[in-house]
Amino acid sequence: MEQRLNAIIFAEQQKKADELYREIKKVSHGLHLLGACSSPQNLQKELINEKGAIIFVDIDEGCKNLPEYFLSLNLRKRKFVCIIPESGEFASELNRSKIHYIQRPITNLKLQVEMRHHTKGSPFVDLALVIIKEEEGKVISEPLAIIPLGTSIVLKVKEGRKHFDINRIMRFQAIKTTRHVNMFLDNGDVIEVSEMIGLLIKRLKKFDFECSNRSELLNLLYVDFIDKRTTAILGNDRYPIHANQVESFNNAWNLFWDGRGNSVNSE
């Protein structure tokens, strides 16, 4: 099943960004390219109304500090895939930080966006960028890489069972008077979900959700920093971390942001 996904190209030189735009457009299926830019400011303007867009980030040979480079682009809460030199430079560093990348040359690749269902009965559906290599004019059927672009979860709400992008969910909070939870989305919506907090904690841990206490489940994508190891900060809101969760929560948060231009883990 083909799924269209918006994308934008970034490189430090506009000429290189335009070249990369043409290359990806030629070899991709299911991607809608919004444009190419070389200014971090222009990149953020392009993405204001495109929360779900993927960013292809070109890395120049000899780049000295990848976390600093990513920080300058404000990529912490965005889906992005790096384009690295043909030599394979930066591959080991990106692998350590669990950051996905495509190695040049791109012209002998095929990029396909696909929707991949989990096992029967699972509430999760993945969106993935499948990379196929082409050699001597023949497409090799075995994927070179499958890059996850996001996952949706099917939840029971008032209107019935619906798909929700996991990256748009900021947190879940147990409702004391019922066995349900409130789900808080990044656009400000609050939706009551007919699920128990304990079940969601088990299901979503592998998707980087961590329990700060028995009634709060936070998406690490939205935890800006941790104050004195005991309080998770999401924007202007503070969420105390239960004493039993401090070690696991801090370890999970540090691992999640490692190499991505991490903020200091205390204030």
Protein backbone atom coordinates (compact mmCIF):
# COMPACT_ATOMS: atom_id res chain seq x y z
CA MET A 1 0.00 0.00 0.00
CA GLU A 2 1.55 3.31 -1.07
CA GLN A 3 1.39 6.25 1.33
CA ARG A 4 2.33 9.81 0.40
CA LEU A 5 4.46 11.74 2.87
CA ASN A 6 5.63 15.36 2.77
CA ALA A 7 9.38 15.93 2.78
CA ILE A 8 11.87 18.79 2.62
CA ILE A 9 15.57 18.87 1.74
CA PHE A 10 18.27 20.72 3.71
CA ALA A 11 21.93 21.27 2.82
CA GLU A 12 24.35 24.00 3.88
CA GLN A 13 24.74 25.20 0.28
CA GLN A 14 21.65 25.95 -1.83
CA LYS A 15 23.20 24.45 -4.95
CA LYS A 16 23.71 21.16 -3.14
CA ALA A 17 20.19 21.30 -1.67
CA ASP A 18 18.70 21.76 -5.15
CA GLU A 19 20.80 18.91 -6.52
CA LEU A 20 19.67 16.61 -3.72
CA TYR A 21 16.05 17.63 -4.33
CA ARG A 22 16.30 16.57 -7.98
CA GLU A 23 18.00 13.27 -7.11
CA ILE A 24 15.45 12.26 -4.47
CA LYS A 25 12.51 13.30 -6.62
CA LYS A 26 13.78 11.11 -9.44
CA VAL A 27 14.16 7.94 -7.36
CA SER A 28 11.32 8.23 -4.81
CA HIS A 29 7.75 6.96 -4.73
CA GLY A 30 5.26 8.17 -2.13
CA LEU A 31 7.21 11.31 -1.22
CA HIS A 32 5.85 14.80 -1.88
CA LEU A 33 8.87 17.13 -1.85
CA LEU A 34 7.95 20.57 -0.48
CA GLY A 35 11.25 22.21 -1.43
CA ALA A 36 14.96 22.56 -0.70
CA CYS A 37 16.70 25.13 1.48
CA SER A 38 20.09 26.00 2.95
CA SER A 39 19.04 28.34 5.79
CA PRO A 40 17.95 26.98 9.21
CA GLN A 41 15.52 29.90 9.47
CA ASN A 42 13.90 29.06 6.13
CA LEU A 43 13.76 25.40 7.12
CA GLN A 44 11.73 26.21 10.23
CA LYS A 45 9.39 28.47 8.22
CA GLU A 46 8.75 25.63 5.77
CA LEU A 47 7.92 23.28 8.64
CA ILE A 48 5.56 25.52 10.65
CA ASN A 49 2.46 23.84 9.24
CA GLU A 50 4.13 20.53 8.39
CA LYS A 51 4.53 18.71 11.71
CA GLY A 52 4.55 15.31 10.02
CA ALA A 53 7.06 16.12 7.26
CA ILE A 54 10.33 14.22 7.05
CA ILE A 55 13.59 16.18 6.60
CA PHE A 56 16.47 14.91 4.49
CA VAL A 57 19.59 16.46 6.03
CA ASP A 58 22.78 16.53 4.00
CA ILE A 59 26.03 16.20 5.96
CA ASP A 60 29.14 17.69 4.37
CA GLU A 61 32.40 15.77 4.42
CA GLY A 62 34.50 16.70 7.43
CA CYS A 63 31.65 18.02 9.58
CA LYS A 64 33.29 18.44 13.00
CA ASN A 65 30.35 18.27 15.40
CA LEU A 66 27.15 16.48 14.40
CA PRO A 67 25.16 17.18 17.61
CA GLU A 68 25.93 20.90 17.25
CA TYR A 69 24.90 20.78 13.59
CA PHE A 70 21.59 19.09 14.45
CA LEU A 71 21.00 21.55 17.29
CA SER A 72 21.45 24.49 14.90
CA LEU A 73 18.66 23.04 12.74
CA ASN A 74 16.34 22.45 15.73
CA LEU A 75 15.76 18.84 14.72
CA ARG A 76 15.09 17.40 18.18
CA LYS A 77 11.35 16.86 17.64
CA ARG A 78 11.39 16.19 13.91
CA LYS A 79 11.62 13.07 11.79
CA PHE A 80 14.83 13.30 9.79
CA VAL A 81 17.10 11.12 7.69
CA CYS A 82 20.73 12.06 7.04
CA ILE A 83 22.46 11.91 3.66
CA ILE A 84 26.11 10.96 4.21
CA PRO A 85 29.11 10.93 1.83
CA GLU A 86 29.82 7.93 -0.40
CA SER A 87 32.87 7.16 1.77
CA GLY A 88 30.57 6.20 4.65
CA GLU A 89 31.91 8.96 6.88
CA PHE A 90 29.65 9.52 9.95
CA ALA A 91 27.98 6.10 9.62
CA SER A 92 29.37 4.73 12.91
CA GLU A 93 28.57 7.93 14.80
CA LEU A 94 24.98 7.98 13.50
CA ASN A 95 24.56 4.28 14.27
CA ARG A 96 25.61 4.89 17.89
CA SER A 97 23.00 7.65 18.18
CA LYS A 98 20.35 5.53 16.41
CA ILE A 99 19.94 8.17 13.70
CA HIS A 100 18.96 6.88 10.28
CA TYR A 101 20.91 7.76 7.15
CA ILE A 102 21.22 7.11 3.42
CA GLN A 103 24.67 6.77 1.89
CA ARG A 104 25.44 8.34 -1.47
CA PRO A 105 25.13 7.82 -4.38
CA ILE A 106 21.37 8.22 -4.29
CA THR A 107 20.91 7.79 -8.04
CA ASN A 108 21.20 3.99 -7.80
CA LEU A 109 18.56 3.73 -5.05
CA LYS A 110 14.78 3.52 -4.99
CA LEU A 111 12.95 5.17 -2.08
CA GLN A 112 9.45 3.90 -1.36
CA VAL A 113 7.12 5.02 1.43
CA GLU A 114 5.02 2.13 2.69
CA MET A 115 2.50 1.42 5.45
CA ARG A 116 3.38 -1.73 7.34
CA HIS A 117 0.87 -3.39 9.64
CA HIS A 118 2.04 -5.16 12.78
CA THR A 119 0.84 -8.66 13.63
CA LYS A 120 -2.87 -9.45 13.49
CA GLY A 121 -4.70 -7.77 16.34
CA SER A 122 -1.86 -5.33 17.10
CA PRO A 123 -2.92 -1.69 17.60
CA PHE A 124 0.24 -0.41 15.82
CA VAL A 125 0.79 0.51 12.15
CA ASP A 126 4.22 1.68 10.93
CA LEU A 127 5.06 4.15 8.19
CA ALA A 128 8.45 3.29 6.69
CA LEU A 129 10.87 4.48 4.03
CA VAL A 130 12.07 1.39 2.19
CA ILE A 131 15.45 1.71 0.47
CA ILE A 132 16.03 -0.57 -2.54
CA LYS A 133 19.39 -0.73 -4.28
CA GLU A 134 19.77 -0.91 -8.04
CA GLU A 135 22.81 -2.54 -9.62
CA GLU A 136 23.55 -2.66 -13.35
CA GLY A 137 20.02 -1.58 -14.16
CA LYS A 138 18.44 -4.33 -12.05
CA VAL A 139 16.50 -3.63 -8.86
CA ILE A 140 17.49 -5.91 -5.98
CA SER A 141 14.30 -7.05 -4.26
CA GLU A 142 15.87 -7.31 -0.78
CA PRO A 143 15.65 -3.86 0.90
CA LEU A 144 18.96 -2.17 1.65
CA ALA A 145 17.28 -0.54 4.65
CA ILE A 146 13.85 0.05 6.15
CA ILE A 147 13.75 3.41 7.94
CA PRO A 148 10.83 3.90 10.34
CA LEU A 149 9.14 7.27 9.82
CA GLY A 150 6.50 7.01 12.50
CA THR A 151 3.93 4.75 14.05
CA SER A 152 0.24 5.14 14.61
CA ILE A 153 -1.68 3.49 17.40
CA VAL A 154 -5.34 2.48 17.24
CA LEU A 155 -7.20 3.63 20.37
CA LYS A 156 -10.81 3.42 21.43
CA VAL A 157 -12.33 6.89 21.84
CA LYS A 158 -15.89 8.25 22.03
CA GLU A 159 -16.32 8.09 18.23
CA GLY A 160 -14.98 4.54 18.01
CA ARG A 161 -11.54 3.08 17.24
CA LYS A 162 -9.21 5.63 15.55
CA HIS A 163 -5.57 5.93 14.41
CA PHE A 164 -3.31 8.44 16.21
CA ASP A 165 0.26 9.34 15.20
CA ILE A 166 2.44 8.41 18.20
CA ASN A 167 4.73 11.38 17.55
CA ARG A 168 1.78 13.74 18.02
CA ILE A 169 0.92 12.34 21.47
CA MET A 170 2.60 14.31 24.27
CA ARG A 171 1.37 12.33 27.26
CA PHE A 172 -1.36 10.23 28.87
CA GLN A 173 -2.88 10.94 32.27
CA ALA A 174 -5.03 8.49 34.23
CA ILE A 175 -8.52 9.72 35.12
CA LYS A 176 -9.03 9.05 38.83
CA THR A 177 -12.82 8.57 38.63
CA THR A 178 -12.72 6.00 35.80
CA ARG A 179 -10.35 3.37 34.39
CA HIS A 180 -9.79 5.58 31.33
CA VAL A 181 -7.03 8.08 30.46
CA ASN A 182 -6.82 11.53 28.92
CA MET A 183 -4.55 11.79 25.88
CA PHE A 184 -2.86 15.15 25.29
CA LEU A 185 -1.90 15.93 21.66
CA ASP A 186 0.65 18.47 20.42
CA ASN A 187 -2.10 20.71 18.97
CA GLY A 188 -3.69 21.18 22.40
CA ASP A 189 -6.49 18.64 22.00
CA VAL A 190 -7.35 16.48 25.01
CA ILE A 191 -9.14 13.22 24.16
CA GLU A 192 -10.55 10.64 26.57
CA VAL A 193 -9.35 7.15 25.71
CA SER A 194 -10.97 3.94 26.93
CA GLU A 195 -7.69 2.31 27.96
CA MET A 196 -6.06 1.61 31.33
CA ILE A 197 -2.82 3.46 32.06
CA GLY A 198 -1.07 0.21 33.01
CA LEU A 199 -1.73 -1.35 29.60
CA LEU A 200 -0.51 1.75 27.77
CA ILE A 201 2.69 1.81 29.83
CA LYS A 202 3.48 -1.75 28.68
CA ARG A 203 2.53 -1.13 25.04
CA LEU A 204 4.30 2.21 24.55
CA LYS A 205 7.61 1.71 26.35
CA LYS A 206 9.26 0.47 23.15
CA PHE A 207 8.10 3.70 21.46
CA ASP A 208 9.97 5.89 23.98
CA PHE A 209 7.15 6.62 26.39
CA GLU A 210 8.19 6.55 30.05
CA CYS A 211 6.11 6.52 33.23
CA SER A 212 7.00 9.42 35.53
CA ASN A 213 4.58 8.16 38.19
CA ARG A 214 1.65 5.78 38.37
CA SER A 215 -0.78 8.15 36.66
CA GLU A 216 1.44 9.92 34.07
CA LEU A 217 2.95 8.47 30.89
CA LEU A 218 5.20 10.93 29.03
CA ASN A 219 6.49 10.88 25.45
CA LEU A 220 10.27 11.49 25.68
CA LEU A 221 10.04 13.38 22.40
CA TYR A 222 8.43 16.25 24.33
CA VAL A 223 10.53 16.15 27.51
CA ASP A 224 12.78 19.20 27.04
CA PHE A 225 15.00 18.46 30.04
CA ILE A 226 14.98 16.96 33.52
CA ASP A 227 15.40 19.28 36.49
CA LYS A 228 17.71 17.83 39.17
CA ARG A 229 16.82 14.33 37.94
CA THR A 230 13.45 14.48 39.71
CA THR A 231 11.18 16.61 37.50
CA ALA A 232 10.44 16.20 33.79
CA ILE A 233 9.90 19.50 31.98
CA LEU A 234 7.49 19.65 29.01
CA GLY A 235 7.32 23.25 27.82
CA ASN A 236 6.00 25.26 30.77
CA ASP A 237 4.71 22.20 32.63
CA ARG A 238 6.52 20.21 35.34
CA TYR A 239 5.95 16.52 36.09
CA PRO A 240 7.49 15.07 39.27
CA ILE A 241 9.19 11.72 38.76
CA HIS A 242 8.37 9.11 41.39
CA ALA A 243 11.39 7.98 43.42
CA ASN A 244 11.11 4.44 42.02
CA GLN A 245 11.19 5.78 38.44
CA VAL A 246 14.04 8.31 38.69
CA GLU A 247 16.86 6.03 37.50
CA SER A 248 14.97 4.37 34.64
CA PHE A 249 13.37 7.64 33.48
CA ASN A 250 16.69 9.53 33.39
CA ASN A 251 18.48 6.68 31.63
CA ALA A 252 15.74 6.39 28.99
CA TRP A 253 15.72 10.16 28.37
CA ASN A 254 19.51 10.38 28.01
CA LEU A 255 19.59 7.42 25.62
CA PHE A 256 16.77 8.88 23.51
CA TRP A 257 18.50 12.25 23.02
CA ASP A 258 22.08 11.03 22.80
CA GLY A 259 23.86 12.66 19.86
CA ARG A 260 20.96 14.88 18.82
CA GLY A 261 22.09 18.17 20.36
CA ASN A 262 20.95 17.25 23.86
CA SER A 263 20.14 19.95 26.42
CA VAL A 264 21.79 19.79 29.84
CA ASN A 265 20.15 17.20 32.08
CA SER A 266 19.83 19.50 35.09
CA GLU A 267 19.31 23.09 36.08
